């Protein structure tokens, strides 16, 4: 599985952030990673320098092999919390999609 992270101008995308994001997402998707070709994470600070509650947006897109890409979005107060929330939503979505395939 390939992992890619993108950030806006308000979030510094460095190697540490990439490592943290990959660890969080891979841990959440653990049992599904062998069925995914790529996961992309997009982080943005919605309010920029103004601050505010839940102003970090994390959009995560998983590309399951042989299926359409699946996307979720989560807003939270900081980058790590936004990553965890999006990873949890993505796991739930993918579990449901793969479960539907198993029933066919």
PDB file of N, CA and C in Angstrom:
ATOM      1  N   UNK A   1       0.836  -1.170   0.000  1.00  0.00           N
ATOM      2  CA  UNK A   1       0.000   0.000   0.000  1.00  0.00           C
ATOM      3  C   UNK A   1       0.889   1.244   0.000  1.00  0.00           C
ATOM      4  N   UNK A   2       0.591   2.148  -0.913  1.00  0.00           N
ATOM      5  CA  UNK A   2       1.296   3.426  -0.949  1.00  0.00           C
ATOM      6  C   UNK A   2       0.576   4.397  -0.025  1.00  0.00           C
ATOM      7  N   UNK A   3       1.342   5.305   0.571  1.00  0.00           N
ATOM      8  CA  UNK A   3       0.769   6.320   1.448  1.00  0.00           C
ATOM      9  C   UNK A   3       1.251   7.679   0.983  1.00  0.00           C
ATOM     10  N   UNK A   4       0.315   8.615   0.837  1.00  0.00           N
ATOM     11  CA  UNK A   4       0.663   9.967   0.403  1.00  0.00           C
ATOM     12  C   UNK A   4      -0.051  10.973   1.292  1.00  0.00           C
ATOM     13  N   UNK A   5       0.660  12.030   1.679  1.00  0.00           N
ATOM     14  CA  UNK A   5       0.057  13.088   2.490  1.00  0.00           C
ATOM     15  C   UNK A   5       0.246  14.423   1.789  1.00  0.00           C
ATOM     16  N   UNK A   6      -0.807  15.233   1.838  1.00  0.00           N
ATOM     17  CA  UNK A   6      -0.779  16.583   1.261  1.00  0.00           C
ATOM     18  C   UNK A   6      -1.261  17.554   2.332  1.00  0.00           C
ATOM     19  N   UNK A   7      -0.643  18.734   2.371  1.00  0.00           N
ATOM     20  CA  UNK A   7      -1.047  19.753   3.338  1.00  0.00           C
ATOM     21  C   UNK A   7      -1.267  21.070   2.618  1.00  0.00           C
ATOM     22  N   UNK A   8      -2.050  21.941   3.261  1.00  0.00           N
ATOM     23  CA  UNK A   8      -2.215  23.276   2.699  1.00  0.00           C
ATOM     24  C   UNK A   8      -1.083  24.172   3.201  1.00  0.00           C
ATOM     25  N   UNK A   9      -1.138  25.443   2.863  1.00  0.00           N
ATOM     26  CA  UNK A   9      -0.070  26.379   3.226  1.00  0.00           C
ATOM     27  C   UNK A   9      -0.004  26.654   4.729  1.00  0.00           C
ATOM     28  N   UNK A  10      -1.061  26.341   5.475  1.00  0.00           N
ATOM     29  CA  UNK A  10      -1.099  26.624   6.910  1.00  0.00           C
ATOM     30  C   UNK A  10      -0.600  25.476   7.783  1.00  0.00           C
ATOM     31  N   UNK A  11      -0.382  24.316   7.207  1.00  0.00           N
ATOM     32  CA  UNK A  11       0.108  23.149   7.952  1.00  0.00           C
ATOM     33  C   UNK A  11       1.439  22.732   7.354  1.00  0.00           C
ATOM     34  N   UNK A  12       2.452  22.655   8.208  1.00  0.00           N
ATOM     35  CA  UNK A  12       3.792  22.305   7.732  1.00  0.00           C
ATOM     36  C   UNK A  12       3.870  20.794   7.521  1.00  0.00           C
ATOM     37  N   UNK A  13       4.042  20.384   6.296  1.00  0.00           N
ATOM     38  CA  UNK A  13       4.142  18.961   5.957  1.00  0.00           C
ATOM     39  C   UNK A  13       5.584  18.519   5.929  1.00  0.00           C
ATOM     40  N   UNK A  14       6.067  17.969   7.033  1.00  0.00           N
ATOM     41  CA  UNK A  14       7.453  17.509   7.097  1.00  0.00           C
ATOM     42  C   UNK A  14       7.488  15.988   7.286  1.00  0.00           C
ATOM     43  N   UNK A  15       8.685  15.434   7.413  1.00  0.00           N
ATOM     44  CA  UNK A  15       8.846  13.983   7.556  1.00  0.00           C
ATOM     45  C   UNK A  15       8.193  13.461   8.830  1.00  0.00           C
ATOM     46  N   UNK A  16       8.258  14.245   9.911  1.00  0.00           N
ATOM     47  CA  UNK A  16       7.650  13.816  11.168  1.00  0.00           C
ATOM     48  C   UNK A  16       6.141  13.690  11.015  1.00  0.00           C
ATOM     49  N   UNK A  17       5.514  14.656  10.365  1.00  0.00           N
ATOM     50  CA  UNK A  17       4.076  14.612  10.144  1.00  0.00           C
ATOM     51  C   UNK A  17       3.712  13.415   9.265  1.00  0.00           C
ATOM     52  N   UNK A  18       4.500  13.171   8.241  1.00  0.00           N
ATOM     53  CA  UNK A  18       4.255  12.025   7.366  1.00  0.00           C
ATOM     54  C   UNK A  18       4.318  10.721   8.153  1.00  0.00           C
ATOM     55  N   UNK A  19       5.335  10.581   9.011  1.00  0.00           N
ATOM     56  CA  UNK A  19       5.474   9.365   9.819  1.00  0.00           C
ATOM     57  C   UNK A  19       4.302   9.189  10.775  1.00  0.00           C
ATOM     58  N   UNK A  20       3.910  10.277  11.442  1.00  0.00           N
ATOM     59  CA  UNK A  20       2.785  10.213  12.387  1.00  0.00           C
ATOM     60  C   UNK A  20       1.506   9.846  11.649  1.00  0.00           C
ATOM     61  N   UNK A  21       1.248  10.497  10.539  1.00  0.00           N
ATOM     62  CA  UNK A  21       0.027  10.233   9.770  1.00  0.00           C
ATOM     63  C   UNK A  21      -0.012   8.798   9.266  1.00  0.00           C
ATOM     64  N   UNK A  22       1.096   8.322   8.727  1.00  0.00           N
ATOM     65  CA  UNK A  22       1.136   6.951   8.211  1.00  0.00           C
ATOM     66  C   UNK A  22       0.934   5.940   9.329  1.00  0.00           C
ATOM     67  N   UNK A  23       1.527   6.192  10.483  1.00  0.00           N
ATOM     68  CA  UNK A  23       1.360   5.288  11.630  1.00  0.00           C
ATOM     69  C   UNK A  23      -0.094   5.232  12.073  1.00  0.00           C
ATOM     70  N   UNK A  24      -0.733   6.384  12.206  1.00  0.00           N
ATOM     71  CA  UNK A  24      -2.128   6.434  12.660  1.00  0.00           C
ATOM     72  C   UNK A  24      -3.051   5.745  11.665  1.00  0.00           C
ATOM     73  N   UNK A  25      -2.908   6.069  10.395  1.00  0.00           N
ATOM     74  CA  UNK A  25      -3.797   5.507   9.384  1.00  0.00           C
ATOM     75  C   UNK A  25      -3.564   4.006   9.209  1.00  0.00           C
ATOM     76  N   UNK A  26      -2.316   3.592   9.165  1.00  0.00           N
ATOM     77  CA  UNK A  26      -2.011   2.175   8.996  1.00  0.00           C
ATOM     78  C   UNK A  26      -2.507   1.357  10.185  1.00  0.00           C
ATOM     79  N   UNK A  27      -2.380   1.898  11.389  1.00  0.00           N
ATOM     80  CA  UNK A  27      -2.879   1.192  12.571  1.00  0.00           C
ATOM     81  C   UNK A  27      -4.392   1.035  12.514  1.00  0.00           C
ATOM     82  N   UNK A  28      -5.086   2.077  12.075  1.00  0.00           N
ATOM     83  CA  UNK A  28      -6.547   2.012  11.999  1.00  0.00           C
ATOM     84  C   UNK A  28      -7.015   1.048  10.911  1.00  0.00           C
ATOM     85  N   UNK A  29      -6.291   0.994   9.806  1.00  0.00           N
ATOM     86  CA  UNK A  29      -6.697   0.155   8.681  1.00  0.00           C
ATOM     87  C   UNK A  29      -5.985  -1.190   8.670  1.00  0.00           C
ATOM     88  N   UNK A  30      -5.236  -1.491   9.705  1.00  0.00           N
ATOM     89  CA  UNK A  30      -4.365  -2.654   9.776  1.00  0.00           C
ATOM     90  C   UNK A  30      -4.782  -3.876   8.982  1.00  0.00           C
ATOM     91  N   UNK A  31      -5.949  -4.421   9.258  1.00  0.00           N
ATOM     92  CA  UNK A  31      -6.378  -5.660   8.617  1.00  0.00           C
ATOM     93  C   UNK A  31      -6.818  -5.459   7.168  1.00  0.00           C
ATOM     94  N   UNK A  32      -6.913  -4.221   6.719  1.00  0.00           N
ATOM     95  CA  UNK A  32      -7.366  -3.941   5.359  1.00  0.00           C
ATOM     96  C   UNK A  32      -6.246  -3.497   4.424  1.00  0.00           C
ATOM     97  N   UNK A  33      -5.054  -3.216   4.947  1.00  0.00           N
ATOM     98  CA  UNK A  33      -3.999  -2.618   4.135  1.00  0.00           C
ATOM     99  C   UNK A  33      -3.602  -3.482   2.941  1.00  0.00           C
ATOM    100  N   UNK A  34      -3.702  -4.795   3.052  1.00  0.00           N
ATOM    101  CA  UNK A  34      -3.326  -5.653   1.930  1.00  0.00           C
ATOM    102  C   UNK A  34      -4.346  -5.594   0.792  1.00  0.00           C
ATOM    103  N   UNK A  35      -5.528  -5.010   1.033  1.00  0.00           N
ATOM    104  CA  UNK A  35      -6.567  -4.884   0.005  1.00  0.00           C
ATOM    105  C   UNK A  35      -6.603  -3.483  -0.611  1.00  0.00           C
ATOM    106  N   UNK A  36      -5.681  -2.615  -0.183  1.00  0.00           N
ATOM    107  CA  UNK A  36      -5.653  -1.233  -0.660  1.00  0.00           C
ATOM    108  C   UNK A  36      -4.401  -0.992  -1.495  1.00  0.00           C
ATOM    109  N   UNK A  37      -4.567  -0.272  -2.600  1.00  0.00           N
ATOM    110  CA  UNK A  37      -3.391   0.058  -3.402  1.00  0.00           C
ATOM    111  C   UNK A  37      -2.761   1.363  -2.933  1.00  0.00           C
ATOM    112  N   UNK A  38      -3.609   2.315  -2.446  1.00  0.00           N
ATOM    113  CA  UNK A  38      -3.062   3.593  -2.007  1.00  0.00           C
ATOM    114  C   UNK A  38      -4.024   4.267  -1.048  1.00  0.00           C
ATOM    115  N   UNK A  39      -3.445   5.025  -0.116  1.00  0.00           N
ATOM    116  CA  UNK A  39      -4.220   5.882   0.778  1.00  0.00           C
ATOM    117  C   UNK A  39      -3.627   7.284   0.679  1.00  0.00           C
ATOM    118  N   UNK A  40      -4.500   8.269   0.436  1.00  0.00           N
ATOM    119  CA  UNK A  40      -4.081   9.670   0.381  1.00  0.00           C
ATOM    120  C   UNK A  40      -4.754  10.425   1.517  1.00  0.00           C
ATOM    121  N   UNK A  41      -3.978  11.264   2.193  1.00  0.00           N
ATOM    122  CA  UNK A  41      -4.496  12.092   3.276  1.00  0.00           C
ATOM    123  C   UNK A  41      -4.245  13.552   2.917  1.00  0.00           C
ATOM    124  N   UNK A  42      -5.285  14.361   3.045  1.00  0.00           N
ATOM    125  CA  UNK A  42      -5.192  15.793   2.776  1.00  0.00           C
ATOM    126  C   UNK A  42      -5.531  16.534   4.062  1.00  0.00           C
ATOM    127  N   UNK A  43      -4.605  17.352   4.548  1.00  0.00           N
ATOM    128  CA  UNK A  43      -4.810  18.132   5.764  1.00  0.00           C
ATOM    129  C   UNK A  43      -4.899  19.613   5.420  1.00  0.00           C
ATOM    130  N   UNK A  44      -5.865  20.288   6.035  1.00  0.00           N
ATOM    131  CA  UNK A  44      -6.034  21.719   5.790  1.00  0.00           C
ATOM    132  C   UNK A  44      -6.483  22.403   7.071  1.00  0.00           C
ATOM    133  N   UNK A  45      -5.986  23.609   7.278  1.00  0.00           N
ATOM    134  CA  UNK A  45      -6.439  24.456   8.378  1.00  0.00           C
ATOM    135  C   UNK A  45      -7.484  25.383   7.792  1.00  0.00           C
ATOM    136  N   UNK A  46      -8.738  25.088   8.068  1.00  0.00           N
ATOM    137  CA  UNK A  46      -9.859  25.776   7.418  1.00  0.00           C
ATOM    138  C   UNK A  46      -9.860  27.272   7.692  1.00  0.00           C
ATOM    139  N   UNK A  47      -9.552  27.676   8.912  1.00  0.00           N
ATOM    140  CA  UNK A  47      -9.596  29.088   9.277  1.00  0.00           C
ATOM    141  C   UNK A  47      -8.247  29.783   9.160  1.00  0.00           C
ATOM    142  N   UNK A  48      -7.226  29.085   8.765  1.00  0.00           N
ATOM    143  CA  UNK A  48      -5.901  29.684   8.637  1.00  0.00           C
ATOM    144  C   UNK A  48      -5.383  30.192   9.965  1.00  0.00           C
ATOM    145  N   UNK A  49      -4.883  31.376   9.989  1.00  0.00           N
ATOM    146  CA  UNK A  49      -4.275  31.954  11.196  1.00  0.00           C
ATOM    147  C   UNK A  49      -5.303  32.389  12.233  1.00  0.00           C
ATOM    148  N   UNK A  50      -6.573  32.442  11.885  1.00  0.00           N
ATOM    149  CA  UNK A  50      -7.602  32.900  12.823  1.00  0.00           C
ATOM    150  C   UNK A  50      -7.822  31.940  13.983  1.00  0.00           C
ATOM    151  N   UNK A  51      -7.586  30.652  13.782  1.00  0.00           N
ATOM    152  CA  UNK A  51      -7.837  29.674  14.829  1.00  0.00           C
ATOM    153  C   UNK A  51      -9.313  29.381  14.968  1.00  0.00           C
ATOM    154  N   UNK A  52      -9.659  28.640  15.996  1.00  0.00           N
ATOM    155  CA  UNK A  52     -11.052  28.292  16.215  1.00  0.00           C
ATOM    156  C   UNK A  52     -11.192  26.807  16.483  1.00  0.00           C
ATOM    157  N   UNK A  53     -12.355  26.454  16.974  1.00  0.00           N
ATOM    158  CA  UNK A  53     -12.621  25.053  17.321  1.00  0.00           C
ATOM    159  C   UNK A  53     -12.827  24.231  16.049  1.00  0.00           C
ATOM    160  N   UNK A  54     -12.277  23.051  16.063  1.00  0.00           N
ATOM    161  CA  UNK A  54     -12.451  22.088  14.972  1.00  0.00           C
ATOM    162  C   UNK A  54     -12.146  22.681  13.597  1.00  0.00           C
ATOM    163  N   UNK A  55     -11.035  23.396  13.506  1.00  0.00           N
ATOM    164  CA  UNK A  55     -10.702  24.043  12.239  1.00  0.00           C
ATOM    165  C   UNK A  55      -9.704  23.264  11.388  1.00  0.00           C
ATOM    166  N   UNK A  56      -9.285  22.082  11.848  1.00  0.00           N
ATOM    167  CA  UNK A  56      -8.397  21.240  11.046  1.00  0.00           C
ATOM    168  C   UNK A  56      -9.262  20.203  10.323  1.00  0.00           C
ATOM    169  N   UNK A  57      -9.153  20.191   8.998  1.00  0.00           N
ATOM    170  CA  UNK A  57      -9.921  19.241   8.186  1.00  0.00           C
ATOM    171  C   UNK A  57      -8.979  18.172   7.641  1.00  0.00           C
ATOM    172  N   UNK A  58      -9.347  16.923   7.847  1.00  0.00           N
ATOM    173  CA  UNK A  58      -8.586  15.800   7.307  1.00  0.00           C
ATOM    174  C   UNK A  58      -9.504  15.030   6.361  1.00  0.00           C
ATOM    175  N   UNK A  59      -9.112  14.975   5.115  1.00  0.00           N
ATOM    176  CA  UNK A  59      -9.832  14.184   4.122  1.00  0.00           C
ATOM    177  C   UNK A  59      -8.942  13.001   3.770  1.00  0.00           C
ATOM    178  N   UNK A  60      -9.486  11.810   3.909  1.00  0.00           N
ATOM    179  CA  UNK A  60      -8.715  10.595   3.625  1.00  0.00           C
ATOM    180  C   UNK A  60      -9.401   9.825   2.507  1.00  0.00           C
ATOM    181  N   UNK A  61      -8.610   9.407   1.546  1.00  0.00           N
ATOM    182  CA  UNK A  61      -9.121   8.644   0.412  1.00  0.00           C
ATOM    183  C   UNK A  61      -8.375   7.326   0.315  1.00  0.00           C
ATOM    184  N   UNK A  62      -9.128   6.233   0.306  1.00  0.00           N
ATOM    185  CA  UNK A  62      -8.542   4.908   0.139  1.00  0.00           C
ATOM    186  C   UNK A  62      -8.908   4.391  -1.242  1.00  0.00           C
ATOM    187  N   UNK A  63      -7.970   3.722  -1.852  1.00  0.00           N
ATOM    188  CA  UNK A  63      -8.211   3.142  -3.171  1.00  0.00           C
ATOM    189  C   UNK A  63      -8.118   1.626  -3.068  1.00  0.00           C
ATOM    190  N   UNK A  64      -9.273   0.991  -2.812  1.00  0.00           N
ATOM    191  CA  UNK A  64      -9.292  -0.468  -2.753  1.00  0.00           C
ATOM    192  C   UNK A  64      -9.077  -1.058  -4.149  1.00  0.00           C
ATOM    193  N   UNK A  65      -8.369  -2.155  -4.216  1.00  0.00           N
ATOM    194  CA  UNK A  65      -8.097  -2.790  -5.507  1.00  0.00           C
ATOM    195  C   UNK A  65      -9.401  -3.320  -6.086  1.00  0.00           C
ATOM    196  N   UNK A  66      -9.683  -2.927  -7.330  1.00  0.00           N
ATOM    197  CA  UNK A  66     -10.873  -3.389  -8.020  1.00  0.00           C
ATOM    198  C   UNK A  66     -12.157  -2.668  -7.644  1.00  0.00           C
ATOM    199  N   UNK A  67     -12.061  -1.568  -6.890  1.00  0.00           N
ATOM    200  CA  UNK A  67     -13.245  -0.829  -6.469  1.00  0.00           C
ATOM    201  C   UNK A  67     -13.023   0.663  -6.697  1.00  0.00           C
ATOM    202  N   UNK A  68     -14.096   1.433  -6.564  1.00  0.00           N
ATOM    203  CA  UNK A  68     -14.007   2.882  -6.652  1.00  0.00           C
ATOM    204  C   UNK A  68     -13.326   3.433  -5.393  1.00  0.00           C
ATOM    205  N   UNK A  69     -12.629   4.565  -5.507  1.00  0.00           N
ATOM    206  CA  UNK A  69     -12.029   5.187  -4.321  1.00  0.00           C
ATOM    207  C   UNK A  69     -13.110   5.545  -3.297  1.00  0.00           C
ATOM    208  N   UNK A  70     -12.762   5.440  -2.023  1.00  0.00           N
ATOM    209  CA  UNK A  70     -13.666   5.744  -0.921  1.00  0.00           C
ATOM    210  C   UNK A  70     -13.075   6.911  -0.139  1.00  0.00           C
ATOM    211  N   UNK A  71     -13.892   7.922   0.163  1.00  0.00           N
ATOM    212  CA  UNK A  71     -13.393   9.142   0.796  1.00  0.00           C
ATOM    213  C   UNK A  71     -14.214   9.504   2.023  1.00  0.00           C
ATOM    214  N   UNK A  72     -13.520   9.977   3.065  1.00  0.00           N
ATOM    215  CA  UNK A  72     -14.164  10.486   4.284  1.00  0.00           C
ATOM    216  C   UNK A  72     -13.505  11.803   4.667  1.00  0.00           C
ATOM    217  N   UNK A  73     -14.227  12.605   5.445  1.00  0.00           N
ATOM    218  CA  UNK A  73     -13.698  13.868   5.950  1.00  0.00           C
ATOM    219  C   UNK A  73     -14.014  13.976   7.432  1.00  0.00           C
ATOM    220  N   UNK A  74     -13.036  14.495   8.195  1.00  0.00           N
ATOM    221  CA  UNK A  74     -13.234  14.687   9.631  1.00  0.00           C
ATOM    222  C   UNK A  74     -12.627  16.026  10.030  1.00  0.00           C
ATOM    223  N   UNK A  75     -13.355  16.798  10.831  1.00  0.00           N
ATOM    224  CA  UNK A  75     -12.869  18.069  11.367  1.00  0.00           C
ATOM    225  C   UNK A  75     -12.578  17.887  12.851  1.00  0.00           C
ATOM    226  N   UNK A  76     -11.464  18.463  13.315  1.00  0.00           N
ATOM    227  CA  UNK A  76     -11.128  18.373  14.731  1.00  0.00           C
ATOM    228  C   UNK A  76     -10.239  19.543  15.119  1.00  0.00           C
ATOM    229  N   UNK A  77      -9.878  19.584  16.414  1.00  0.00           N
ATOM    230  CA  UNK A  77      -9.145  20.726  16.959  1.00  0.00           C
ATOM    231  C   UNK A  77      -7.660  20.732  16.593  1.00  0.00           C
ATOM    232  N   UNK A  78      -7.062  19.552  16.373  1.00  0.00           N
ATOM    233  CA  UNK A  78      -5.648  19.506  16.010  1.00  0.00           C
ATOM    234  C   UNK A  78      -5.410  18.433  14.959  1.00  0.00           C
ATOM    235  N   UNK A  79      -4.225  18.437  14.403  1.00  0.00           N
ATOM    236  CA  UNK A  79      -3.907  17.547  13.288  1.00  0.00           C
ATOM    237  C   UNK A  79      -4.026  16.085  13.683  1.00  0.00           C
ATOM    238  N   UNK A  80      -3.460  15.718  14.825  1.00  0.00           N
ATOM    239  CA  UNK A  80      -3.475  14.318  15.234  1.00  0.00           C
ATOM    240  C   UNK A  80      -4.891  13.813  15.473  1.00  0.00           C
ATOM    241  N   UNK A  81      -5.719  14.623  16.117  1.00  0.00           N
ATOM    242  CA  UNK A  81      -7.110  14.231  16.366  1.00  0.00           C
ATOM    243  C   UNK A  81      -7.880  14.118  15.053  1.00  0.00           C
ATOM    244  N   UNK A  82      -7.614  15.014  14.118  1.00  0.00           N
ATOM    245  CA  UNK A  82      -8.279  14.957  12.815  1.00  0.00           C
ATOM    246  C   UNK A  82      -7.863  13.692  12.056  1.00  0.00           C
ATOM    247  N   UNK A  83      -6.582  13.333  12.139  1.00  0.00           N
ATOM    248  CA  UNK A  83      -6.101  12.106  11.499  1.00  0.00           C
ATOM    249  C   UNK A  83      -6.765  10.875  12.099  1.00  0.00           C
ATOM    250  N   UNK A  84      -6.828  10.827  13.434  1.00  0.00           N
ATOM    251  CA  UNK A  84      -7.448   9.678  14.097  1.00  0.00           C
ATOM    252  C   UNK A  84      -8.930   9.550  13.737  1.00  0.00           C
ATOM    253  N   UNK A  85      -9.635  10.664  13.718  1.00  0.00           N
ATOM    254  CA  UNK A  85     -11.057  10.644  13.381  1.00  0.00           C
ATOM    255  C   UNK A  85     -11.299  10.193  11.952  1.00  0.00           C
ATOM    256  N   UNK A  86     -10.507  10.712  11.017  1.00  0.00           N
ATOM    257  CA  UNK A  86     -10.669  10.322   9.614  1.00  0.00           C
ATOM    258  C   UNK A  86     -10.301   8.852   9.409  1.00  0.00           C
ATOM    259  N   UNK A  87      -9.257   8.389  10.081  1.00  0.00           N
ATOM    260  CA  UNK A  87      -8.844   6.990   9.953  1.00  0.00           C
ATOM    261  C   UNK A  87      -9.931   6.059  10.486  1.00  0.00           C
ATOM    262  N   UNK A  88     -10.542   6.442  11.590  1.00  0.00           N
ATOM    263  CA  UNK A  88     -11.628   5.620  12.165  1.00  0.00           C
ATOM    264  C   UNK A  88     -12.825   5.576  11.215  1.00  0.00           C
ATOM    265  N   UNK A  89     -13.197   6.732  10.656  1.00  0.00           N
ATOM    266  CA  UNK A  89     -14.311   6.776   9.700  1.00  0.00           C
ATOM    267  C   UNK A  89     -14.003   5.949   8.456  1.00  0.00           C
ATOM    268  N   UNK A  90     -12.754   6.023   7.985  1.00  0.00           N
ATOM    269  CA  UNK A  90     -12.363   5.282   6.793  1.00  0.00           C
ATOM    270  C   UNK A  90     -12.421   3.781   7.047  1.00  0.00           C
ATOM    271  N   UNK A  91     -11.957   3.344   8.210  1.00  0.00           N
ATOM    272  CA  UNK A  91     -12.023   1.926   8.566  1.00  0.00           C
ATOM    273  C   UNK A  91     -13.468   1.447   8.571  1.00  0.00           C
ATOM    274  N   UNK A  92     -14.353   2.222   9.181  1.00  0.00           N
ATOM    275  CA  UNK A  92     -15.762   1.853   9.247  1.00  0.00           C
ATOM    276  C   UNK A  92     -16.373   1.759   7.843  1.00  0.00           C
ATOM    277  N   UNK A  93     -16.069   2.738   7.001  1.00  0.00           N
ATOM    278  CA  UNK A  93     -16.573   2.736   5.638  1.00  0.00           C
ATOM    279  C   UNK A  93     -16.078   1.520   4.862  1.00  0.00           C
ATOM    280  N   UNK A  94     -14.772   1.254   4.947  1.00  0.00           N
ATOM    281  CA  UNK A  94     -14.199   0.130   4.199  1.00  0.00           C
ATOM    282  C   UNK A  94     -14.681  -1.209   4.726  1.00  0.00           C
ATOM    283  N   UNK A  95     -14.831  -1.336   6.046  1.00  0.00           N
ATOM    284  CA  UNK A  95     -15.379  -2.580   6.600  1.00  0.00           C
ATOM    285  C   UNK A  95     -16.766  -2.843   6.021  1.00  0.00           C
ATOM    286  N   UNK A  96     -17.568  -1.801   5.903  1.00  0.00           N
ATOM    287  CA  UNK A  96     -18.902  -1.942   5.331  1.00  0.00           C
ATOM    288  C   UNK A  96     -18.865  -2.317   3.861  1.00  0.00           C
ATOM    289  N   UNK A  97     -17.990  -1.668   3.096  1.00  0.00           N
ATOM    290  CA  UNK A  97     -17.892  -1.955   1.663  1.00  0.00           C
ATOM    291  C   UNK A  97     -17.383  -3.366   1.408  1.00  0.00           C
ATOM    292  N   UNK A  98     -16.349  -3.783   2.132  1.00  0.00           N
ATOM    293  CA  UNK A  98     -15.828  -5.131   1.949  1.00  0.00           C
ATOM    294  C   UNK A  98     -16.821  -6.169   2.470  1.00  0.00           C
ATOM    295  N   UNK A  99     -17.584  -5.815   3.500  1.00  0.00           N
ATOM    296  CA  UNK A  99     -18.616  -6.711   4.016  1.00  0.00           C
ATOM    297  C   UNK A  99     -19.706  -6.950   2.978  1.00  0.00           C
ATOM    298  N   UNK A 100     -20.078  -5.892   2.247  1.00  0.00           N
ATOM    299  CA  UNK A 100     -21.080  -6.030   1.188  1.00  0.00           C
ATOM    300  C   UNK A 100     -20.572  -6.975   0.097  1.00  0.00           C
ATOM    301  N   UNK A 101     -19.300  -6.862  -0.242  1.00  0.00           N
ATOM    302  CA  UNK A 101     -18.734  -7.736  -1.264  1.00  0.00           C
ATOM    303  C   UNK A 101     -18.747  -9.181  -0.817  1.00  0.00           C
ATOM    304  N   UNK A 102     -18.500  -9.415   0.478  1.00  0.00           N
ATOM    305  CA  UNK A 102     -18.478 -10.770   1.010  1.00  0.00           C
ATOM    306  C   UNK A 102     -19.839 -11.439   0.975  1.00  0.00           C
ATOM    307  N   UNK A 103     -20.908 -10.639   1.060  1.00  0.00           N
ATOM    308  CA  UNK A 103     -22.253 -11.197   1.066  1.00  0.00           C
ATOM    309  C   UNK A 103     -22.764 -11.522  -0.336  1.00  0.00           C
ATOM    310  N   UNK A 104     -22.092 -11.018  -1.367  1.00  0.00           N
ATOM    311  CA  UNK A 104     -22.558 -11.267  -2.739  1.00  0.00           C
ATOM    312  C   UNK A 104     -22.151 -12.614  -3.229  1.00  0.00           C
TER     313      UNK A 104
END
